[in-house]
Amino acid sequence: MTETRLDLPDGRSLAYRRQDGRGPGIVFLGGFRSDMTGTKAEHLAAWCAAEGRAFLRFDYTGHGASSGDFLDGAIGDWAEDAFDAVTRLSDGPQVLVGSSMGGWIALLLARRVPERIHALVGIAAAPDFTEDSMWEGFDAAQRAALARDGRVELPSDYSDEPYVITRRLIEDGRGNLVLRDPLPLPFPTRLLQGTADTDVDPSVALRLLDHADCADMRLTLVKGADHRFSEPDNLDLIVGTIAGIAG
C-alpha cells in the first residue's frame, strides 16, 4: 500500500494510509520519531483488513513521509496533525490507539473533540513526558545548554544518532500538559503497560489511571514487556483489547 497525502491550507502535507471498512474505525497514533510503518501499525493494519474494519494511520509533520523537519516540531504541532487527520480522513467516532507519545496526543484529542472518540487505547502512553521525563531529568548543564543553544542532545537506545531536544519542544509541551488539570474521558479507556519499560515508567500509567475522570478505565500491566510492546503476545493483547471495546 502506498501513501496518500493530505495537503493542508497552511502548507503541511501529511502522508497517510487509509483502509475502508466498518466502524468504529481504528486510528493509530505513533510515537516520538516513529512512523506509520512500524510493527504495531502494520499488525493493526493486517488485523483491521481481516476484520473488515476501517483503519487510518499517518505520519506527523517531520516524521516519516510527511512534510517538515522533525526539529521544527513540537507536541502542539503533532496534536494539530492528529486533529486534521481524524476530522478530515475519518467518519464518526473512532477508536484511538496511541503508542507512547501517541497516547499523549490521543488525550489531547479527547480534550478537544471527545465526540469523535468511541474509545481510547494507550500503549505505554507518555503524557507530559517533555516536562516530567525530559526536563525533570536534565542536569544543570543540560538546562543551561538548552537555554543558551536552544537544543540539547540525548543518547538514544534505538539509534546511533542522538535525540536532539529543542527548547521549543519543552516550552510547547508545557502548554499541552494533561496531568495537571481535570481530564474527563467520557468513553472506554484501556492502558497497556510493560513492567520492563525503561522509557516510560509504569508509574506514569498509574498516575494517569488515578488522574483521569473515566467511568470505564482499566490498566493492564504486562510483566517483562519493554517500551516497544511489539512481541507477538503484546500484539495479540493490543488487538484483543481493541476488539473488546470497538464493538
C-alpha atoms as a PDB file:
ATOM      1  CA  MET A   1       0.000   0.000   0.000  1.00  0.00           C
ATOM      2  CA  THR A   2       1.365   3.421  -0.956  1.00  0.00           C
ATOM      3  CA  GLU A   3       0.947   6.661   0.948  1.00  0.00           C
ATOM      4  CA  THR A   4      -1.698   9.208   0.084  1.00  0.00           C
ATOM      5  CA  ARG A   5      -1.201  12.828   1.066  1.00  0.00           C
ATOM      6  CA  LEU A   6      -3.415  15.262   2.905  1.00  0.00           C
ATOM      7  CA  ASP A   7      -2.380  18.748   1.772  1.00  0.00           C
ATOM      8  CA  LEU A   8      -3.454  21.397   4.270  1.00  0.00           C
ATOM      9  CA  PRO A   9      -4.007  25.146   3.712  1.00  0.00           C
ATOM     10  CA  ASP A  10      -1.022  26.163   5.854  1.00  0.00           C
ATOM     11  CA  GLY A  11       1.377  24.137   3.708  1.00  0.00           C
ATOM     12  CA  ARG A  12       1.585  20.973   5.797  1.00  0.00           C
ATOM     13  CA  SER A  13       1.383  17.734   3.853  1.00  0.00           C
ATOM     14  CA  LEU A  14       0.594  14.615   5.868  1.00  0.00           C
ATOM     15  CA  ALA A  15       1.355  11.176   4.473  1.00  0.00           C
ATOM     16  CA  TYR A  16      -1.327   8.652   5.417  1.00  0.00           C
ATOM     17  CA  ARG A  17      -2.704   5.227   4.657  1.00  0.00           C
ATOM     18  CA  ARG A  18      -6.425   4.584   4.946  1.00  0.00           C
ATOM     19  CA  GLN A  19      -8.298   1.321   4.721  1.00  0.00           C
ATOM     20  CA  ASP A  20     -12.055   1.347   4.197  1.00  0.00           C
ATOM     21  CA  GLY A  21     -14.281  -0.787   6.373  1.00  0.00           C
ATOM     22  CA  ARG A  22     -16.947  -0.803   9.028  1.00  0.00           C
ATOM     23  CA  GLY A  23     -16.917   1.456  12.029  1.00  0.00           C
ATOM     24  CA  PRO A  24     -15.998   2.482  14.518  1.00  0.00           C
ATOM     25  CA  GLY A  25     -12.705   2.822  12.741  1.00  0.00           C
ATOM     26  CA  ILE A  26      -9.274   2.481  14.302  1.00  0.00           C
ATOM     27  CA  VAL A  27      -6.789   5.373  14.226  1.00  0.00           C
ATOM     28  CA  PHE A  28      -3.167   4.633  15.118  1.00  0.00           C
ATOM     29  CA  LEU A  29      -1.170   7.467  16.671  1.00  0.00           C
ATOM     30  CA  GLY A  30       2.554   6.749  16.635  1.00  0.00           C
ATOM     31  CA  GLY A  31       5.303   7.755  18.999  1.00  0.00           C
ATOM     32  CA  PHE A  32       8.131  10.277  19.121  1.00  0.00           C
ATOM     33  CA  ARG A  33      10.292   9.965  15.993  1.00  0.00           C
ATOM     34  CA  SER A  34       8.359   6.910  14.790  1.00  0.00           C
ATOM     35  CA  ASP A  35       6.359   6.476  11.602  1.00  0.00           C
ATOM     36  CA  MET A  36       3.314   4.627  10.338  1.00  0.00           C
ATOM     37  CA  THR A  37       5.246   1.597   9.061  1.00  0.00           C
ATOM     38  CA  GLY A  38       6.255   0.255  12.488  1.00  0.00           C
ATOM     39  CA  THR A  39       5.430  -3.203  13.798  1.00  0.00           C
ATOM     40  CA  LYS A  40       2.322  -2.242  15.762  1.00  0.00           C
ATOM     41  CA  ALA A  41       0.860  -0.162  12.928  1.00  0.00           C
ATOM     42  CA  GLU A  42       1.459  -2.915  10.376  1.00  0.00           C
ATOM     43  CA  HIS A  43      -0.058  -5.527  12.681  1.00  0.00           C
ATOM     44  CA  LEU A  44      -3.154  -3.408  13.238  1.00  0.00           C
ATOM     45  CA  ALA A  45      -3.487  -2.793   9.507  1.00  0.00           C
ATOM     46  CA  ALA A  46      -3.488  -6.534   8.832  1.00  0.00           C
ATOM     47  CA  TRP A  47      -5.945  -7.217  11.653  1.00  0.00           C
ATOM     48  CA  CYS A  48      -8.339  -4.477  10.521  1.00  0.00           C
ATOM     49  CA  ALA A  49      -8.192  -5.769   6.940  1.00  0.00           C
ATOM     50  CA  ALA A  50      -9.064  -9.267   8.127  1.00  0.00           C
ATOM     51  CA  GLU A  51     -11.910  -7.907  10.261  1.00  0.00           C
ATOM     52  CA  GLY A  52     -13.225  -5.589   7.556  1.00  0.00           C
ATOM     53  CA  ARG A  53     -12.767  -2.612   9.865  1.00  0.00           C
ATOM     54  CA  ALA A  54     -11.729   0.898   8.828  1.00  0.00           C
ATOM     55  CA  PHE A  55      -8.165   1.836   9.730  1.00  0.00           C
ATOM     56  CA  LEU A  56      -6.209   5.073   9.484  1.00  0.00           C
ATOM     57  CA  ARG A  57      -2.528   5.723  10.150  1.00  0.00           C
ATOM     58  CA  PHE A  58      -0.417   8.737   9.280  1.00  0.00           C
ATOM     59  CA  ASP A  59       2.921  10.425   9.877  1.00  0.00           C
ATOM     60  CA  TYR A  60       3.134  13.599  11.929  1.00  0.00           C
ATOM     61  CA  THR A  61       4.928  16.521  10.289  1.00  0.00           C
ATOM     62  CA  GLY A  62       8.664  15.971  10.438  1.00  0.00           C
ATOM     63  CA  HIS A  63       8.105  12.216  10.734  1.00  0.00           C
ATOM     64  CA  GLY A  64       8.259   9.517   8.085  1.00  0.00           C
ATOM     65  CA  ALA A  65       6.978  10.618   4.687  1.00  0.00           C
ATOM     66  CA  SER A  66       5.202  13.792   5.825  1.00  0.00           C
ATOM     67  CA  SER A  67       6.480  17.293   5.151  1.00  0.00           C
ATOM     68  CA  GLY A  68       8.568  19.325   7.559  1.00  0.00           C
ATOM     69  CA  ASP A  69      11.692  18.966   9.669  1.00  0.00           C
ATOM     70  CA  PHE A  70      11.432  16.957  12.863  1.00  0.00           C
ATOM     71  CA  LEU A  71      13.458  19.505  14.840  1.00  0.00           C
ATOM     72  CA  ASP A  72      10.959  22.242  13.981  1.00  0.00           C
ATOM     73  CA  GLY A  73       8.072  20.305  15.523  1.00  0.00           C
ATOM     74  CA  ALA A  74       6.526  20.075  18.976  1.00  0.00           C
ATOM     75  CA  ILE A  75       3.622  18.408  20.767  1.00  0.00           C
ATOM     76  CA  GLY A  76       1.080  21.055  19.779  1.00  0.00           C
ATOM     77  CA  ASP A  77       2.036  20.727  16.111  1.00  0.00           C
ATOM     78  CA  TRP A  78       1.678  16.965  16.153  1.00  0.00           C
ATOM     79  CA  ALA A  79      -1.618  17.180  18.020  1.00  0.00           C
ATOM     80  CA  GLU A  80      -2.852  19.527  15.280  1.00  0.00           C
ATOM     81  CA  ASP A  81      -1.743  16.959  12.686  1.00  0.00           C
ATOM     82  CA  ALA A  82      -3.742  14.300  14.516  1.00  0.00           C
ATOM     83  CA  PHE A  83      -6.794  16.566  14.727  1.00  0.00           C
ATOM     84  CA  ASP A  84      -6.664  17.218  10.986  1.00  0.00           C
ATOM     85  CA  ALA A  85      -6.161  13.540  10.181  1.00  0.00           C
ATOM     86  CA  VAL A  86      -9.041  12.364  12.362  1.00  0.00           C
ATOM     87  CA  THR A  87     -11.522  15.075  11.377  1.00  0.00           C
ATOM     88  CA  ARG A  88     -10.711  15.135   7.665  1.00  0.00           C
ATOM     89  CA  LEU A  89      -9.913  11.489   6.942  1.00  0.00           C
ATOM     90  CA  SER A  90     -12.335   9.519   9.128  1.00  0.00           C
ATOM     91  CA  ASP A  91     -16.072   9.479   9.705  1.00  0.00           C
ATOM     92  CA  GLY A  92     -17.841   9.222  13.034  1.00  0.00           C
ATOM     93  CA  PRO A  93     -16.393   8.176  16.382  1.00  0.00           C
ATOM     94  CA  GLN A  94     -13.052   6.363  16.222  1.00  0.00           C
ATOM     95  CA  VAL A  95     -11.016   4.111  18.481  1.00  0.00           C
ATOM     96  CA  LEU A  96      -7.763   5.972  19.095  1.00  0.00           C
ATOM     97  CA  VAL A  97      -4.743   3.742  19.650  1.00  0.00           C
ATOM     98  CA  GLY A  98      -1.878   5.866  20.946  1.00  0.00           C
ATOM     99  CA  SER A  99       1.626   4.464  21.323  1.00  0.00           C
ATOM    100  CA  SER A 100       3.986   6.311  23.711  1.00  0.00           C
ATOM    101  CA  MET A 101       3.782   9.985  22.634  1.00  0.00           C
ATOM    102  CA  GLY A 102       0.712   8.972  20.651  1.00  0.00           C
ATOM    103  CA  GLY A 103      -1.004   8.295  23.966  1.00  0.00           C
ATOM    104  CA  TRP A 104      -0.454  11.936  24.924  1.00  0.00           C
ATOM    105  CA  ILE A 105      -1.722  13.050  21.504  1.00  0.00           C
ATOM    106  CA  ALA A 106      -4.825  10.877  21.985  1.00  0.00           C
ATOM    107  CA  LEU A 107      -5.529  12.557  25.329  1.00  0.00           C
ATOM    108  CA  LEU A 108      -5.221  15.985  23.717  1.00  0.00           C
ATOM    109  CA  LEU A 109      -7.759  14.902  21.094  1.00  0.00           C
ATOM    110  CA  ALA A 110     -10.001  13.649  23.881  1.00  0.00           C
ATOM    111  CA  ARG A 111      -9.923  17.129  25.374  1.00  0.00           C
ATOM    112  CA  ARG A 112     -10.611  18.807  22.028  1.00  0.00           C
ATOM    113  CA  VAL A 113     -13.074  16.524  20.205  1.00  0.00           C
ATOM    114  CA  PRO A 114     -14.450  13.939  22.656  1.00  0.00           C
ATOM    115  CA  GLU A 115     -17.473  13.423  20.409  1.00  0.00           C
ATOM    116  CA  ARG A 116     -15.195  11.893  17.756  1.00  0.00           C
ATOM    117  CA  ILE A 117     -13.816   9.246  20.112  1.00  0.00           C
ATOM    118  CA  HIS A 118     -15.527   5.894  20.618  1.00  0.00           C
ATOM    119  CA  ALA A 119     -12.762   4.533  22.867  1.00  0.00           C
ATOM    120  CA  LEU A 120      -9.087   5.054  23.629  1.00  0.00           C
ATOM    121  CA  VAL A 121      -6.231   2.572  23.977  1.00  0.00           C
ATOM    122  CA  GLY A 122      -2.874   3.757  25.304  1.00  0.00           C
ATOM    123  CA  ILE A 123       0.205   1.603  24.719  1.00  0.00           C
ATOM    124  CA  ALA A 124       2.977   2.740  27.079  1.00  0.00           C
ATOM    125  CA  ALA A 125       1.247   6.116  26.962  1.00  0.00           C
ATOM    126  CA  ALA A 126       3.586   9.011  27.734  1.00  0.00           C
ATOM    127  CA  PRO A 127       1.540  12.084  28.681  1.00  0.00           C
ATOM    128  CA  ASP A 128       3.555  15.140  29.715  1.00  0.00           C
ATOM    129  CA  PHE A 129       6.872  13.399  29.005  1.00  0.00           C
ATOM    130  CA  THR A 130       8.618  16.572  27.840  1.00  0.00           C
ATOM    131  CA  GLU A 131       8.178  18.008  31.332  1.00  0.00           C
ATOM    132  CA  ASP A 132       8.171  15.000  33.654  1.00  0.00           C
ATOM    133  CA  SER A 133      10.823  12.914  31.913  1.00  0.00           C
ATOM    134  CA  MET A 134      12.945  15.194  29.761  1.00  0.00           C
ATOM    135  CA  TRP A 135      13.030  18.490  31.672  1.00  0.00           C
ATOM    136  CA  GLU A 136      12.976  16.880  35.099  1.00  0.00           C
ATOM    137  CA  GLY A 137      15.781  14.563  34.007  1.00  0.00           C
ATOM    138  CA  PHE A 138      18.076  17.313  32.749  1.00  0.00           C
ATOM    139  CA  ASP A 139      21.003  18.289  34.932  1.00  0.00           C
ATOM    140  CA  ALA A 140      22.085  21.897  35.380  1.00  0.00           C
ATOM    141  CA  ALA A 141      24.489  21.776  32.428  1.00  0.00           C
ATOM    142  CA  GLN A 142      21.833  20.407  30.089  1.00  0.00           C
ATOM    143  CA  ARG A 143      19.317  23.032  31.175  1.00  0.00           C
ATOM    144  CA  ALA A 144      21.928  25.731  30.614  1.00  0.00           C
ATOM    145  CA  ALA A 145      22.725  24.347  27.153  1.00  0.00           C
ATOM    146  CA  LEU A 146      19.033  24.318  26.268  1.00  0.00           C
ATOM    147  CA  ALA A 147      18.676  27.959  27.293  1.00  0.00           C
ATOM    148  CA  ARG A 148      21.908  29.006  25.594  1.00  0.00           C
ATOM    149  CA  ASP A 149      21.823  26.945  22.389  1.00  0.00           C
ATOM    150  CA  GLY A 150      18.122  26.173  22.051  1.00  0.00           C
ATOM    151  CA  ARG A 151      18.858  22.440  21.971  1.00  0.00           C
ATOM    152  CA  VAL A 152      20.471  19.580  23.846  1.00  0.00           C
ATOM    153  CA  GLU A 153      21.494  16.115  22.631  1.00  0.00           C
ATOM    154  CA  LEU A 154      20.495  12.932  24.467  1.00  0.00           C
ATOM    155  CA  PRO A 155      21.657   9.357  23.774  1.00  0.00           C
ATOM    156  CA  SER A 156      19.129   7.056  22.101  1.00  0.00           C
ATOM    157  CA  ASP A 157      18.549   3.372  22.797  1.00  0.00           C
ATOM    158  CA  TYR A 158      17.043   2.946  19.329  1.00  0.00           C
ATOM    159  CA  SER A 159      19.523   4.699  17.041  1.00  0.00           C
ATOM    160  CA  ASP A 160      23.192   5.599  16.733  1.00  0.00           C
ATOM    161  CA  GLU A 161      22.060   9.184  16.285  1.00  0.00           C
ATOM    162  CA  PRO A 162      21.321  11.142  19.484  1.00  0.00           C
ATOM    163  CA  TYR A 163      17.933  12.568  20.316  1.00  0.00           C
ATOM    164  CA  VAL A 164      18.068  16.308  19.792  1.00  0.00           C
ATOM    165  CA  ILE A 165      15.683  18.035  22.175  1.00  0.00           C
ATOM    166  CA  THR A 166      14.813  21.628  21.373  1.00  0.00           C
ATOM    167  CA  ARG A 167      13.835  24.423  23.716  1.00  0.00           C
ATOM    168  CA  ARG A 168      10.644  24.836  21.699  1.00  0.00           C
ATOM    169  CA  LEU A 169       9.705  21.193  22.320  1.00  0.00           C
ATOM    170  CA  ILE A 170       9.980  21.710  26.071  1.00  0.00           C
ATOM    171  CA  GLU A 171       8.202  25.067  26.112  1.00  0.00           C
ATOM    172  CA  ASP A 172       5.403  23.937  23.796  1.00  0.00           C
ATOM    173  CA  GLY A 173       4.968  20.790  25.882  1.00  0.00           C
ATOM    174  CA  ARG A 174       4.221  22.958  28.910  1.00  0.00           C
ATOM    175  CA  GLY A 175       1.256  24.400  27.052  1.00  0.00           C
ATOM    176  CA  ASN A 176      -0.164  20.944  26.349  1.00  0.00           C
ATOM    177  CA  LEU A 177       0.133  19.143  29.682  1.00  0.00           C
ATOM    178  CA  VAL A 178      -2.805  16.886  30.562  1.00  0.00           C
ATOM    179  CA  LEU A 179      -1.969  15.582  34.049  1.00  0.00           C
ATOM    180  CA  ARG A 180      -2.219  18.945  35.847  1.00  0.00           C
ATOM    181  CA  ASP A 181      -5.849  19.811  35.106  1.00  0.00           C
ATOM    182  CA  PRO A 182      -9.093  17.819  35.052  1.00  0.00           C
ATOM    183  CA  LEU A 183      -9.051  15.163  32.331  1.00  0.00           C
ATOM    184  CA  PRO A 184     -12.532  13.852  31.513  1.00  0.00           C
ATOM    185  CA  LEU A 185     -12.543  10.734  29.318  1.00  0.00           C
ATOM    186  CA  PRO A 186     -16.227  10.025  28.632  1.00  0.00           C
ATOM    187  CA  PHE A 187     -15.601   6.747  26.787  1.00  0.00           C
ATOM    188  CA  PRO A 188     -13.967   3.366  27.489  1.00  0.00           C
ATOM    189  CA  THR A 189     -10.221   3.742  28.045  1.00  0.00           C
ATOM    190  CA  ARG A 190      -7.640   0.959  28.220  1.00  0.00           C
ATOM    191  CA  LEU A 191      -3.983   1.335  29.162  1.00  0.00           C
ATOM    192  CA  LEU A 192      -1.375  -1.314  28.306  1.00  0.00           C
ATOM    193  CA  GLN A 193       1.989  -1.023  30.030  1.00  0.00           C
ATOM    194  CA  GLY A 194       5.103  -3.187  30.281  1.00  0.00           C
ATOM    195  CA  THR A 195       6.837  -3.518  33.633  1.00  0.00           C
ATOM    196  CA  ALA A 196      10.270  -3.573  31.932  1.00  0.00           C
ATOM    197  CA  ASP A 197       9.697  -0.294  30.096  1.00  0.00           C
ATOM    198  CA  THR A 198      12.746   1.894  30.686  1.00  0.00           C
ATOM    199  CA  ASP A 199      11.412   4.835  28.635  1.00  0.00           C
ATOM    200  CA  VAL A 200       8.002   5.247  30.268  1.00  0.00           C
ATOM    201  CA  ASP A 201       7.962   4.081  33.867  1.00  0.00           C
ATOM    202  CA  PRO A 202       4.861   2.104  34.899  1.00  0.00           C
ATOM    203  CA  SER A 203       4.212   4.824  37.475  1.00  0.00           C
ATOM    204  CA  VAL A 204       3.096   7.065  34.588  1.00  0.00           C
ATOM    205  CA  ALA A 205       0.265   4.662  33.750  1.00  0.00           C
ATOM    206  CA  LEU A 206      -0.746   4.510  37.409  1.00  0.00           C
ATOM    207  CA  ARG A 207      -0.730   8.300  37.620  1.00  0.00           C
ATOM    208  CA  LEU A 208      -2.902   8.579  34.512  1.00  0.00           C
ATOM    209  CA  LEU A 209      -5.294   5.930  35.847  1.00  0.00           C
ATOM    210  CA  ASP A 210      -5.656   7.859  39.100  1.00  0.00           C
ATOM    211  CA  HIS A 211      -5.899  11.291  37.471  1.00  0.00           C
ATOM    212  CA  ALA A 212      -8.416  10.771  34.663  1.00  0.00           C
ATOM    213  CA  ASP A 213     -12.147  11.120  35.210  1.00  0.00           C
ATOM    214  CA  CYS A 214     -13.360   7.990  33.431  1.00  0.00           C
ATOM    215  CA  ALA A 215     -16.130   5.584  34.379  1.00  0.00           C
ATOM    216  CA  ASP A 216     -14.685   2.717  32.339  1.00  0.00           C
ATOM    217  CA  MET A 217     -10.898   2.718  32.574  1.00  0.00           C
ATOM    218  CA  ARG A 218      -8.578  -0.257  33.032  1.00  0.00           C
ATOM    219  CA  LEU A 219      -4.829  -0.701  33.215  1.00  0.00           C
ATOM    220  CA  THR A 220      -3.127  -3.937  32.173  1.00  0.00           C
ATOM    221  CA  LEU A 221       0.459  -4.416  33.343  1.00  0.00           C
ATOM    222  CA  VAL A 222       2.489  -6.952  31.373  1.00  0.00           C
ATOM    223  CA  LYS A 223       5.411  -8.385  33.291  1.00  0.00           C
ATOM    224  CA  GLY A 224       8.670  -8.179  31.369  1.00  0.00           C
ATOM    225  CA  ALA A 225       7.308  -6.206  28.403  1.00  0.00           C
ATOM    226  CA  ASP A 226       9.506  -3.329  27.238  1.00  0.00           C
ATOM    227  CA  HIS A 227       8.655   0.003  25.643  1.00  0.00           C
ATOM    228  CA  ARG A 228       8.375  -1.366  22.141  1.00  0.00           C
ATOM    229  CA  PHE A 229       5.465  -3.611  23.220  1.00  0.00           C
ATOM    230  CA  SER A 230       5.838  -5.463  19.916  1.00  0.00           C
ATOM    231  CA  GLU A 231       6.390  -9.100  20.861  1.00  0.00           C
ATOM    232  CA  PRO A 232       3.761 -11.487  19.426  1.00  0.00           C
ATOM    233  CA  ASP A 233       1.913 -11.794  22.729  1.00  0.00           C
ATOM    234  CA  ASN A 234       1.973  -7.994  23.115  1.00  0.00           C
ATOM    235  CA  LEU A 235       0.457  -7.575  19.650  1.00  0.00           C
ATOM    236  CA  ASP A 236      -2.210 -10.158  20.460  1.00  0.00           C
ATOM    237  CA  LEU A 237      -3.064  -8.235  23.628  1.00  0.00           C
ATOM    238  CA  ILE A 238      -3.369  -4.990  21.676  1.00  0.00           C
ATOM    239  CA  VAL A 239      -5.825  -6.388  19.140  1.00  0.00           C
ATOM    240  CA  GLY A 240      -7.727  -8.275  21.817  1.00  0.00           C
ATOM    241  CA  THR A 241      -8.093  -5.090  23.810  1.00  0.00           C
ATOM    242  CA  ILE A 242      -9.308  -3.148  20.779  1.00  0.00           C
ATOM    243  CA  ALA A 243     -11.754  -5.905  19.847  1.00  0.00           C
ATOM    244  CA  GLY A 244     -13.199  -5.799  23.360  1.00  0.00           C
ATOM    245  CA  ILE A 245     -14.146  -2.115  23.151  1.00  0.00           C
ATOM    246  CA  ALA A 246     -14.622  -1.438  19.448  1.00  0.00           C
ATOM    247  CA  GLY A 247     -17.981  -3.189  19.151  1.00  0.00           C
END
